[in-house]
């Protein structure tokens, strides 16, 4: 098994194409017409030089290699067939006649390798090799053209992945995996914005970028001047075979580092394989709680594997803050235990990313499960102040549909206290009932209920007990699924209810009302 080696290439993607010449009908009878195969030779040190290498079958089974370059100046350019792929490099195994600069051509009849081993046309097409054309006999280190041949030729199959900016917002790019005829892969990294004098180590790691993981495959460093890196891959660093199809199914991600001495600083990063995002996503609102200036969104992205990437994005977080976050069971109005722990939101960016494929108890949770989850998200002020929330929002089946009806709550015992009751529909047809009063006193707690009948018919029996209105903010939130006596009470049923709302002065003084209003069928 070949080991992964490195070639620091500063030119365009190695992408070989091939063709078989059509049979000619113009040849005289009895004249041998062999098959042929053409490979592309890409520019290297001189972008104006490129061409082809055509392998032609001879009548005796040997081969003729015709090199044809455009853009060459007068001179003689040595050429060779090397072992391995261009991304790996290897020793010379076949000497080719030098390319004549004036014509750009070279023709070599090949019947044996450099060590004397016989080789046929068919064997040459199965060779693990590449062709180099050099600047001169005294400057073999400078290449003017290069191309993979034989089993290293690239097929039309490829997969491109995004590499996003990390430490430097101006650096980003792509990682493209090309399939070779052999079934192995060529991985090309192409970054924009890299410094000309930089050299950036790169690796494929296990797991998703949100999870982190050990290095699985070491890649060629990205050369800053070109922003390019090329790596031949047919096995991982442990020596386990890894073909093109397996690489596309890898649970992994790519890191590109600032330098060999600053591996902790990333310049680009991106998920690959089964961790790639499909484009399916769902966004949920995260509302302000403690600080009115902090709010944002939680977006669930679907991976190819069916798992999820949950991205939290908050605006207004302090640059030095770090805000723990969790998915809890039930609605925010009900409260519930932590079900899934999320990565903390970094205050400087307001961002958090979490890979989710199971809850904290180990039960599998895929993307579809998360979209139907009975839960909500809390983002806390700090690890030492978990009781202080900076943002909160319902997710999954608890998301609000946008359908809602508001009712007036008029002042009763205190003309300064009044407000509204809003019934908001959830995806699961349950109802969020929000009471919002102005004029309440800090420290006060006001019990609230939905009663049967209309205000004019009061008193009526309590149908639904609502959450207490908190005097500090004048707000009460209640998730309503059923009446106190039992029986389902969904959004549509609540809008049709024969009822009214009472907000009381206190638990000790229920007879004194601070606000009251008809709801449901009793509203004109």
Protein backbone atom coordinates (compact mmCIF):
# COMPACT_ATOMS: atom_id res chain seq x y z
CA UNK A 1 0.00 0.00 0.00
CA UNK A 2 1.42 3.37 -0.99
CA UNK A 3 1.98 5.97 1.68
CA UNK A 4 0.51 9.43 1.28
CA UNK A 5 3.26 11.80 0.14
CA UNK A 6 3.22 15.49 -0.59
CA UNK A 7 3.98 17.76 -3.54
CA UNK A 8 3.79 21.48 -3.08
CA UNK A 9 2.11 22.51 -6.33
CA UNK A 10 1.69 26.18 -7.11
CA UNK A 11 -0.45 25.85 -10.22
CA UNK A 12 -3.89 24.83 -11.34
CA UNK A 13 -5.80 21.66 -10.52
CA UNK A 14 -4.35 18.45 -11.88
CA UNK A 15 -7.22 17.30 -14.02
CA UNK A 16 -6.42 14.77 -16.74
CA UNK A 17 -8.88 14.03 -19.54
CA UNK A 18 -8.59 11.29 -22.05
CA UNK A 19 -9.94 10.08 -25.35
CA UNK A 20 -9.62 7.12 -27.66
CA UNK A 21 -9.11 8.03 -31.31
CA UNK A 22 -11.92 6.95 -33.61
CA UNK A 23 -11.18 4.21 -36.11
CA UNK A 24 -10.23 5.70 -39.45
CA UNK A 25 -11.80 4.48 -42.67
CA UNK A 26 -9.13 6.15 -44.84
CA UNK A 27 -6.25 3.73 -44.15
CA UNK A 28 -5.17 1.40 -47.00
CA UNK A 29 -5.94 -2.30 -46.47
CA UNK A 30 -3.34 -4.08 -44.35
CA UNK A 31 -2.08 -0.91 -42.59
CA UNK A 32 -2.08 -1.31 -38.77
CA UNK A 33 -4.15 1.23 -36.90
CA UNK A 34 -3.65 1.00 -33.15
CA UNK A 35 -5.62 2.49 -30.31
CA UNK A 36 -4.53 5.65 -28.54
CA UNK A 37 -5.06 7.51 -25.28
CA UNK A 38 -4.54 11.21 -24.64
CA UNK A 39 -3.73 12.81 -21.28
CA UNK A 40 -3.61 16.50 -20.45
CA UNK A 41 -0.35 18.13 -19.36
CA UNK A 42 -1.07 21.12 -17.15
CA UNK A 43 0.97 24.33 -16.83
CA UNK A 44 3.38 24.55 -13.95
CA UNK A 45 6.07 27.27 -13.67
CA UNK A 46 4.95 28.98 -16.90
CA UNK A 47 1.19 29.45 -17.24
CA UNK A 48 1.52 29.84 -21.00
CA UNK A 49 2.85 26.27 -21.45
CA UNK A 50 0.46 23.30 -21.53
CA UNK A 51 -0.36 20.43 -23.81
CA UNK A 52 -1.00 16.72 -24.17
CA UNK A 53 0.66 13.33 -23.93
CA UNK A 54 -0.77 10.83 -26.41
CA UNK A 55 0.05 7.15 -25.99
CA UNK A 56 -0.32 5.27 -29.30
CA UNK A 57 -0.41 1.50 -29.70
CA UNK A 58 2.24 0.06 -32.05
CA UNK A 59 1.72 -3.05 -34.18
CA UNK A 60 4.15 -5.08 -32.02
CA UNK A 61 2.26 -4.17 -28.82
CA UNK A 62 4.70 -1.51 -27.71
CA UNK A 63 3.73 2.15 -27.39
CA UNK A 64 4.71 5.50 -28.81
CA UNK A 65 4.37 8.53 -26.53
CA UNK A 66 3.84 11.79 -28.37
CA UNK A 67 4.19 14.98 -26.31
CA UNK A 68 2.71 18.15 -27.79
CA UNK A 69 3.15 21.43 -25.92
CA UNK A 70 2.08 24.93 -26.83
CA UNK A 71 3.83 28.06 -25.60
CA UNK A 72 7.38 26.68 -25.44
CA UNK A 73 10.35 28.83 -26.40
CA UNK A 74 13.38 27.64 -28.32
CA UNK A 75 15.32 25.04 -26.39
CA UNK A 76 15.24 21.46 -25.21
CA UNK A 77 12.98 20.35 -22.35
CA UNK A 78 13.71 16.98 -20.70
CA UNK A 79 10.71 14.72 -20.07
CA UNK A 80 10.17 11.56 -18.01
CA UNK A 81 7.53 9.17 -16.78
CA UNK A 82 7.63 8.99 -12.95
CA UNK A 83 6.23 6.42 -10.54
CA UNK A 84 3.14 7.28 -8.42
CA UNK A 85 0.87 10.29 -8.90
CA UNK A 86 2.09 13.86 -9.32
CA UNK A 87 0.71 14.69 -5.88
CA UNK A 88 2.92 11.97 -4.34
CA UNK A 89 5.98 12.29 -6.61
CA UNK A 90 8.24 9.35 -7.44
CA UNK A 91 11.37 8.19 -9.23
CA UNK A 92 11.83 8.25 -13.00
CA UNK A 93 10.75 4.92 -14.50
CA UNK A 94 10.83 5.78 -18.22
CA UNK A 95 13.00 8.33 -20.03
CA UNK A 96 11.21 10.24 -22.78
CA UNK A 97 12.89 12.17 -25.57
CA UNK A 98 13.20 15.85 -24.75
CA UNK A 99 10.59 18.24 -26.09
CA UNK A 100 11.89 20.43 -28.90
CA UNK A 101 10.97 23.99 -27.91
CA UNK A 102 10.58 25.21 -31.47
CA UNK A 103 7.91 22.64 -32.35
CA UNK A 104 6.77 21.78 -28.84
CA UNK A 105 6.91 18.12 -29.75
CA UNK A 106 8.60 14.92 -28.60
CA UNK A 107 8.15 11.34 -29.80
CA UNK A 108 9.38 8.27 -27.89
CA UNK A 109 8.91 4.60 -28.71
CA UNK A 110 8.60 2.66 -25.44
CA UNK A 111 9.11 -1.07 -25.11
CA UNK A 112 10.71 -1.24 -21.66
CA UNK A 113 11.06 0.73 -18.45
CA UNK A 114 14.32 2.35 -17.39
CA UNK A 115 15.35 -0.79 -15.49
CA UNK A 116 14.80 -2.99 -18.54
CA UNK A 117 11.38 -4.45 -17.69
CA UNK A 118 9.33 -4.95 -20.83
CA UNK A 119 6.16 -2.88 -21.03
CA UNK A 120 3.32 -2.97 -23.55
CA UNK A 121 0.79 -0.35 -24.62
CA UNK A 122 -1.88 -1.93 -22.42
CA UNK A 123 0.47 -2.03 -19.43
CA UNK A 124 1.38 1.62 -19.95
CA UNK A 125 -2.31 2.54 -19.71
CA UNK A 126 -2.44 0.68 -16.36
CA UNK A 127 0.71 2.32 -15.03
CA UNK A 128 0.71 4.10 -11.66
CA UNK A 129 2.54 7.12 -13.03
CA UNK A 130 2.73 10.75 -14.16
CA UNK A 131 4.72 12.75 -16.70
CA UNK A 132 7.03 15.67 -15.93
CA UNK A 133 8.45 18.09 -18.50
CA UNK A 134 11.37 20.06 -17.04
CA UNK A 135 12.83 23.49 -17.70
CA UNK A 136 16.22 22.14 -18.77
CA UNK A 137 18.78 19.40 -18.18
CA UNK A 138 20.49 21.67 -15.66
CA UNK A 139 17.22 22.77 -14.03
CA UNK A 140 15.19 19.60 -13.51
CA UNK A 141 13.66 21.11 -10.37
CA UNK A 142 11.59 23.56 -12.42
CA UNK A 143 8.61 22.02 -14.18
CA UNK A 144 6.93 23.55 -17.21
CA UNK A 145 4.21 20.90 -17.60
CA UNK A 146 2.91 17.88 -15.71
CA UNK A 147 0.08 15.37 -15.83
CA UNK A 148 -1.12 12.10 -14.28
CA UNK A 149 -1.41 9.09 -16.57
CA UNK A 150 -2.54 5.46 -16.36
CA UNK A 151 -4.56 4.57 -13.26
CA UNK A 152 -3.92 8.04 -11.83
CA UNK A 153 -6.01 9.71 -14.52
CA UNK A 154 -8.98 11.57 -13.08
CA UNK A 155 -12.49 10.47 -13.95
CA UNK A 156 -15.42 12.86 -14.31
CA UNK A 157 -16.50 12.14 -10.70
CA UNK A 158 -15.76 14.81 -8.10
CA UNK A 159 -17.26 16.41 -5.00
CA UNK A 160 -16.66 19.97 -3.82
CA UNK A 161 -16.90 21.14 -0.20
CA UNK A 162 -16.87 24.64 1.23
CA UNK A 163 -14.03 25.75 3.51
CA UNK A 164 -15.25 28.70 5.56
CA UNK A 165 -13.21 31.48 7.11
CA UNK A 166 -12.00 31.02 10.67
CA UNK A 167 -9.40 33.33 12.25
CA UNK A 168 -9.08 35.50 9.12
CA UNK A 169 -12.34 36.54 7.45
CA UNK A 170 -10.52 37.19 4.15
CA UNK A 171 -9.41 33.54 3.76
CA UNK A 172 -11.88 30.95 2.47
CA UNK A 173 -12.22 28.47 -0.36
CA UNK A 174 -13.02 24.91 -1.32
CA UNK A 175 -11.84 21.34 -0.98
CA UNK A 176 -12.52 19.19 -4.05
CA UNK A 177 -12.17 15.42 -4.12
CA UNK A 178 -11.54 13.91 -7.57
CA UNK A 179 -11.86 10.22 -8.35
CA UNK A 180 -8.96 8.50 -10.12
CA UNK A 181 -9.29 5.56 -12.52
CA UNK A 182 -7.71 3.43 -9.77
CA UNK A 183 -10.53 4.35 -7.36
CA UNK A 184 -8.17 6.45 -5.23
CA UNK A 185 -8.69 10.20 -4.75
CA UNK A 186 -6.96 13.48 -5.43
CA UNK A 187 -7.92 16.10 -2.84
CA UNK A 188 -7.37 19.68 -3.93
CA UNK A 189 -7.63 22.60 -1.51
CA UNK A 190 -8.03 26.02 -3.14
CA UNK A 191 -8.06 29.06 -0.83
CA UNK A 192 -8.38 32.75 -1.60
CA UNK A 193 -6.63 35.39 0.49
CA UNK A 194 -3.66 33.38 1.79
CA UNK A 195 -0.44 35.40 2.33
CA UNK A 196 2.19 34.85 -0.37
CA UNK A 197 4.85 33.74 2.11
CA UNK A 198 2.57 31.43 4.11
CA UNK A 199 2.51 27.65 4.36
CA UNK A 200 -0.60 26.26 6.03
CA UNK A 201 -0.73 22.68 7.38
CA UNK A 202 -3.99 20.86 6.63
CA UNK A 203 -5.67 17.67 7.86
CA UNK A 204 -8.85 15.68 7.66
CA UNK A 205 -10.18 15.11 11.19
CA UNK A 206 -12.73 12.61 12.46
CA UNK A 207 -16.27 13.76 13.36
CA UNK A 208 -17.82 17.09 12.43
CA UNK A 209 -16.13 20.46 12.96
CA UNK A 210 -18.69 21.25 15.67
CA UNK A 211 -17.60 18.13 17.59
CA UNK A 212 -13.87 18.12 16.92
CA UNK A 213 -11.79 14.97 16.52
CA UNK A 214 -8.39 13.39 15.93
CA UNK A 215 -6.48 13.68 12.68
CA UNK A 216 -7.44 10.90 10.29
CA UNK A 217 -5.56 11.93 7.14
CA UNK A 218 -2.65 14.33 6.85
CA UNK A 219 -2.87 16.59 3.78
CA UNK A 220 -0.25 18.55 1.88
CA UNK A 221 0.20 22.06 3.28
CA UNK A 222 -1.54 24.89 1.45
CA UNK A 223 1.06 27.09 -0.23
CA UNK A 224 0.22 30.73 0.46
CA UNK A 225 1.43 32.04 -2.91
CA UNK A 226 -1.03 29.87 -4.82
CA UNK A 227 -3.56 29.03 -2.11
CA UNK A 228 -3.32 25.42 -3.34
CA UNK A 229 -2.69 21.99 -1.90
CA UNK A 230 -2.86 18.58 -3.63
CA UNK A 231 -2.91 15.23 -1.83
CA UNK A 232 -3.22 11.70 -3.22
CA UNK A 233 -5.43 9.63 -0.91
CA UNK A 234 -5.89 5.87 -0.95
CA UNK A 235 -5.59 5.19 2.78
CA UNK A 236 -5.77 7.02 6.10
CA UNK A 237 -2.79 7.76 8.35
CA UNK A 238 -3.27 4.42 10.12
CA UNK A 239 -2.90 2.55 6.81
CA UNK A 240 -6.57 1.59 6.38
CA UNK A 241 -7.65 1.55 2.71
CA UNK A 242 -9.88 4.48 1.79
CA UNK A 243 -11.17 4.80 -1.76
CA UNK A 244 -13.11 7.65 -3.35
CA UNK A 245 -16.53 6.32 -2.34
CA UNK A 246 -15.36 5.77 1.24
CA UNK A 247 -13.98 9.31 1.39
CA UNK A 248 -17.36 10.70 0.33
CA UNK A 249 -18.94 8.73 3.21
CA UNK A 250 -16.35 9.79 5.80
CA UNK A 251 -17.50 11.25 9.11
CA UNK A 252 -14.97 14.06 8.96
CA UNK A 253 -13.97 17.69 8.46
CA UNK A 254 -10.96 19.62 7.16
CA UNK A 255 -8.84 22.06 9.16
CA UNK A 256 -6.33 24.42 7.55
CA UNK A 257 -3.98 25.92 10.15
CA UNK A 258 -2.09 29.20 10.23
CA UNK A 259 1.35 27.55 10.45
CA UNK A 260 3.19 24.50 11.76
CA UNK A 261 3.93 26.43 14.96
CA UNK A 262 0.36 27.79 15.30
CA UNK A 263 -1.81 24.73 14.77
CA UNK A 264 -4.30 26.12 17.28
CA UNK A 265 -5.12 28.99 14.90
CA UNK A 266 -7.38 28.00 12.01
CA UNK A 267 -7.56 29.91 8.75
CA UNK A 268 -10.24 27.73 7.14
CA UNK A 269 -12.49 24.82 8.10
CA UNK A 270 -15.25 22.75 6.58
CA UNK A 271 -17.27 19.57 7.05
CA UNK A 272 -16.94 16.81 4.45
CA UNK A 273 -18.48 13.43 3.73
CA UNK A 274 -21.66 12.61 5.66
CA UNK A 275 -21.33 15.82 7.67
CA UNK A 276 -22.06 18.07 4.69
CA UNK A 277 -25.24 20.12 5.03
CA UNK A 278 -28.03 19.19 2.63
CA UNK A 279 -29.56 22.66 2.37
CA UNK A 280 -32.57 21.69 4.48
CA UNK A 281 -32.88 23.91 7.54
CA UNK A 282 -35.34 25.37 9.98
CA UNK A 283 -34.98 28.65 11.87
CA UNK A 284 -36.49 29.40 15.29
CA UNK A 285 -36.60 32.77 17.06
CA UNK A 286 -34.70 33.33 20.31
CA UNK A 287 -36.30 36.22 22.15
CA UNK A 288 -34.77 38.65 24.62
CA UNK A 289 -35.17 37.86 28.31
CA UNK A 290 -32.87 39.72 30.71
CA UNK A 291 -31.28 42.15 28.24
CA UNK A 292 -33.59 43.72 25.63
CA UNK A 293 -30.66 44.18 23.21
CA UNK A 294 -29.81 40.46 23.08
CA UNK A 295 -31.88 38.26 20.77
CA UNK A 296 -31.36 36.09 17.73
CA UNK A 297 -32.10 32.76 16.10
CA UNK A 298 -31.52 29.03 16.40
CA UNK A 299 -31.15 27.31 13.02
CA UNK A 300 -31.24 23.53 12.63
CA UNK A 301 -29.35 22.35 9.54
CA UNK A 302 -29.69 18.82 8.15
CA UNK A 303 -26.54 16.79 7.41
CA UNK A 304 -26.25 14.08 4.76
CA UNK A 305 -26.08 11.57 7.60
CA UNK A 306 -29.49 12.69 8.86
CA UNK A 307 -27.94 14.28 11.95
CA UNK A 308 -28.21 18.01 12.64
CA UNK A 309 -26.00 21.05 13.05
CA UNK A 310 -27.66 23.52 15.42
CA UNK A 311 -26.41 27.07 14.97
CA UNK A 312 -27.19 29.76 17.54
CA UNK A 313 -26.76 33.35 16.36
CA UNK A 314 -27.29 36.15 18.86
CA UNK A 315 -26.97 39.89 18.40
CA UNK A 316 -25.84 42.17 21.24
CA UNK A 317 -23.76 39.72 23.29
CA UNK A 318 -20.78 41.25 25.16
CA UNK A 319 -17.44 40.51 23.50
CA UNK A 320 -15.98 38.91 26.63
CA UNK A 321 -19.03 36.78 27.41
CA UNK A 322 -19.56 33.03 27.15
CA UNK A 323 -23.17 31.93 27.41
CA UNK A 324 -24.10 28.29 28.19
CA UNK A 325 -27.05 26.98 26.17
CA UNK A 326 -29.35 23.94 26.34
CA UNK A 327 -32.44 22.41 24.80
CA UNK A 328 -35.01 21.72 27.51
CA UNK A 329 -38.08 19.48 27.46
CA UNK A 330 -41.56 21.05 27.12
CA UNK A 331 -42.34 24.66 26.26
CA UNK A 332 -40.58 27.67 27.73
CA UNK A 333 -43.87 28.57 29.42
CA UNK A 334 -43.94 25.20 31.17
CA UNK A 335 -40.24 24.73 31.86
CA UNK A 336 -38.46 21.39 31.81
CA UNK A 337 -35.23 19.44 32.33
CA UNK A 338 -32.19 19.77 30.07
CA UNK A 339 -32.43 17.24 27.24
CA UNK A 340 -29.56 18.27 24.97
CA UNK A 341 -26.53 20.31 26.04
CA UNK A 342 -25.39 22.82 23.41
CA UNK A 343 -22.06 24.52 22.83
CA UNK A 344 -21.78 27.82 24.67
CA UNK A 345 -22.41 31.00 22.68
CA UNK A 346 -19.17 32.99 22.31
CA UNK A 347 -19.91 36.61 23.13
CA UNK A 348 -17.44 38.03 20.61
CA UNK A 349 -19.20 36.39 17.67
CA UNK A 350 -22.61 35.66 19.17
CA UNK A 351 -22.26 32.18 17.64
CA UNK A 352 -22.53 28.59 18.77
CA UNK A 353 -22.48 25.36 16.75
CA UNK A 354 -23.53 21.94 18.05
CA UNK A 355 -23.61 18.60 16.23
CA UNK A 356 -26.73 16.68 17.30
CA UNK A 357 -27.43 13.02 16.63
CA UNK A 358 -28.54 12.00 20.15
CA UNK A 359 -29.81 13.59 23.34
CA UNK A 360 -27.79 13.70 26.56
CA UNK A 361 -29.19 10.32 27.57
CA UNK A 362 -27.91 8.73 24.35
CA UNK A 363 -31.26 8.38 22.60
CA UNK A 364 -30.95 8.95 18.84
CA UNK A 365 -32.33 12.29 17.62
CA UNK A 366 -32.19 12.97 13.87
CA UNK A 367 -33.06 16.13 11.95
CA UNK A 368 -36.73 15.23 11.53
CA UNK A 369 -36.99 14.37 15.23
CA UNK A 370 -35.56 17.77 16.15
CA UNK A 371 -38.09 19.59 13.97
CA UNK A 372 -40.88 17.80 15.87
CA UNK A 373 -39.24 18.07 19.28
CA UNK A 374 -41.29 19.11 22.33
CA UNK A 375 -38.69 21.55 23.59
CA UNK A 376 -37.25 25.03 23.95
CA UNK A 377 -33.81 26.63 24.09
CA UNK A 378 -32.35 28.61 26.97
CA UNK A 379 -29.20 30.73 26.64
CA UNK A 380 -27.79 31.72 30.03
CA UNK A 381 -25.76 34.71 31.16
CA UNK A 382 -22.78 32.62 32.36
CA UNK A 383 -21.81 29.28 33.85
CA UNK A 384 -22.09 30.83 37.33
CA UNK A 385 -25.42 32.55 36.56
CA UNK A 386 -27.50 29.82 34.95
CA UNK A 387 -30.63 31.25 36.56
CA UNK A 388 -30.24 34.43 34.49
CA UNK A 389 -31.44 34.05 30.88
CA UNK A 390 -30.29 36.25 28.00
CA UNK A 391 -32.36 34.54 25.28
CA UNK A 392 -35.05 31.89 25.01
CA UNK A 393 -37.22 30.34 22.34
CA UNK A 394 -39.56 27.44 21.67
CA UNK A 395 -38.53 24.94 18.99
CA UNK A 396 -39.98 21.95 17.16
CA UNK A 397 -43.68 21.36 17.64
CA UNK A 398 -43.79 24.23 20.13
CA UNK A 399 -42.97 26.85 17.49
CA UNK A 400 -45.63 29.50 16.99
CA UNK A 401 -47.41 29.45 13.63
CA UNK A 402 -47.99 33.21 13.52
CA UNK A 403 -51.73 32.85 14.08
CA UNK A 404 -52.85 34.78 17.13
CA UNK A 405 -55.71 36.78 18.60
CA UNK A 406 -55.40 39.53 21.22
CA UNK A 407 -58.03 40.57 23.77
CA UNK A 408 -58.22 43.69 25.90
CA UNK A 409 -57.87 43.42 29.66
CA UNK A 410 -59.45 46.49 31.22
CA UNK A 411 -58.49 48.13 34.51
CA UNK A 412 -60.68 47.22 37.50
CA UNK A 413 -59.49 48.24 40.99
CA UNK A 414 -56.55 50.32 39.76
CA UNK A 415 -57.02 52.52 36.69
CA UNK A 416 -53.27 52.40 36.00
CA UNK A 417 -53.21 48.63 35.48
CA UNK A 418 -54.52 47.25 32.17
CA UNK A 419 -53.25 45.37 29.14
CA UNK A 420 -53.87 42.45 26.77
CA UNK A 421 -54.23 38.71 26.60
CA UNK A 422 -52.86 37.09 23.44
CA UNK A 423 -53.69 33.55 22.31
CA UNK A 424 -50.92 32.30 19.96
CA UNK A 425 -51.19 29.04 18.01
CA UNK A 426 -48.37 26.47 18.14
CA UNK A 427 -47.47 24.01 15.38
CA UNK A 428 -48.94 21.21 17.52
CA UNK A 429 -52.21 23.19 17.89
CA UNK A 430 -51.55 23.95 21.54
CA UNK A 431 -51.82 27.58 22.68
CA UNK A 432 -49.44 30.06 24.25
CA UNK A 433 -51.45 32.48 26.35
CA UNK A 434 -49.53 35.67 27.10
CA UNK A 435 -50.81 38.31 29.49
CA UNK A 436 -49.10 41.71 29.27
CA UNK A 437 -50.07 44.39 31.78
CA UNK A 438 -48.77 47.90 32.31
CA UNK A 439 -48.71 49.60 35.69
CA UNK A 440 -47.96 46.56 37.84
CA UNK A 441 -45.73 46.92 40.89
CA UNK A 442 -42.31 45.27 41.21
CA UNK A 443 -42.43 42.38 43.64
CA UNK A 444 -46.15 41.78 43.18
CA UNK A 445 -47.54 38.43 42.05
CA UNK A 446 -50.99 38.45 40.40
CA UNK A 447 -52.88 35.13 39.96
CA UNK A 448 -54.84 34.81 36.71
CA UNK A 449 -57.57 32.47 35.37
CA UNK A 450 -59.90 31.91 32.48
CA UNK A 451 -63.45 31.72 33.85
CA UNK A 452 -66.63 30.40 32.24
CA UNK A 453 -69.18 32.86 30.91
CA UNK A 454 -68.79 36.56 30.17
CA UNK A 455 -67.64 39.41 32.41
CA UNK A 456 -71.23 40.59 32.66
CA UNK A 457 -72.22 37.16 34.00
CA UNK A 458 -69.45 36.97 36.59
CA UNK A 459 -68.66 35.18 38.72
CA UNK A 460 -68.03 32.05 36.67
CA UNK A 461 -66.15 28.88 37.47
CA UNK A 462 -62.44 28.67 36.67
CA UNK A 463 -61.86 26.80 33.39
CA UNK A 464 -58.07 27.22 33.00
CA UNK A 465 -55.52 28.36 35.56
CA UNK A 466 -52.98 30.70 33.97
CA UNK A 467 -49.48 31.57 35.07
CA UNK A 468 -49.14 34.37 37.57
CA UNK A 469 -48.51 37.87 36.22
CA UNK A 470 -45.12 38.99 37.54
CA UNK A 471 -45.30 42.54 38.80
CA UNK A 472 -41.71 43.34 37.76
CA UNK A 473 -42.52 43.01 34.04
CA UNK A 474 -46.32 42.65 33.97
CA UNK A 475 -46.09 39.39 32.03
CA UNK A 476 -47.59 35.93 32.38
CA UNK A 477 -47.06 33.05 29.95
CA UNK A 478 -49.01 29.77 29.97
CA UNK A 479 -49.02 26.81 27.64
CA UNK A 480 -52.64 25.68 27.41
CA UNK A 481 -53.45 22.13 26.28
CA UNK A 482 -56.54 21.30 28.31
CA UNK A 483 -59.07 22.64 30.79
CA UNK A 484 -58.55 22.17 34.51
CA UNK A 485 -61.26 19.53 34.53
CA UNK A 486 -59.52 17.59 31.77
CA UNK A 487 -60.25 17.19 28.10
CA UNK A 488 -58.25 18.60 25.18
CA UNK A 489 -58.46 22.34 24.61
CA UNK A 490 -56.63 23.24 21.41
CA UNK A 491 -56.14 26.65 19.79
CA UNK A 492 -59.37 26.58 17.80
CA UNK A 493 -61.36 25.50 20.85
CA UNK A 494 -59.80 28.27 22.94
CA UNK A 495 -60.78 30.89 20.36
CA UNK A 496 -64.36 29.64 20.62
CA UNK A 497 -64.46 29.43 24.41
CA UNK A 498 -67.29 31.01 26.39
CA UNK A 499 -65.08 32.77 28.88
CA UNK A 500 -63.30 35.76 30.37
CA UNK A 501 -60.00 36.40 32.13
CA UNK A 502 -59.54 37.68 35.67
CA UNK A 503 -56.21 38.94 37.00
CA UNK A 504 -56.27 39.18 40.81
CA UNK A 505 -54.43 41.43 43.20
CA UNK A 506 -52.76 38.53 45.04
CA UNK A 507 -53.20 34.94 46.16
CA UNK A 508 -54.36 36.28 49.52
CA UNK A 509 -56.80 38.77 47.95
CA UNK A 510 -58.48 37.01 45.04
CA UNK A 511 -61.59 39.15 45.48
CA UNK A 512 -59.74 42.25 44.30
CA UNK A 513 -59.27 42.35 40.53
CA UNK A 514 -56.60 44.40 38.79
CA UNK A 515 -57.62 43.55 35.21
CA UNK A 516 -60.42 41.72 33.43
CA UNK A 517 -61.63 41.00 29.90
CA UNK A 518 -63.81 38.78 27.73
CA UNK A 519 -62.15 36.20 25.45
CA UNK A 520 -63.20 33.72 22.79
CA UNK A 521 -66.87 33.67 21.83
CA UNK A 522 -67.68 36.53 24.17
CA UNK A 523 -65.74 39.11 22.18
CA UNK A 524 -67.72 41.11 19.62
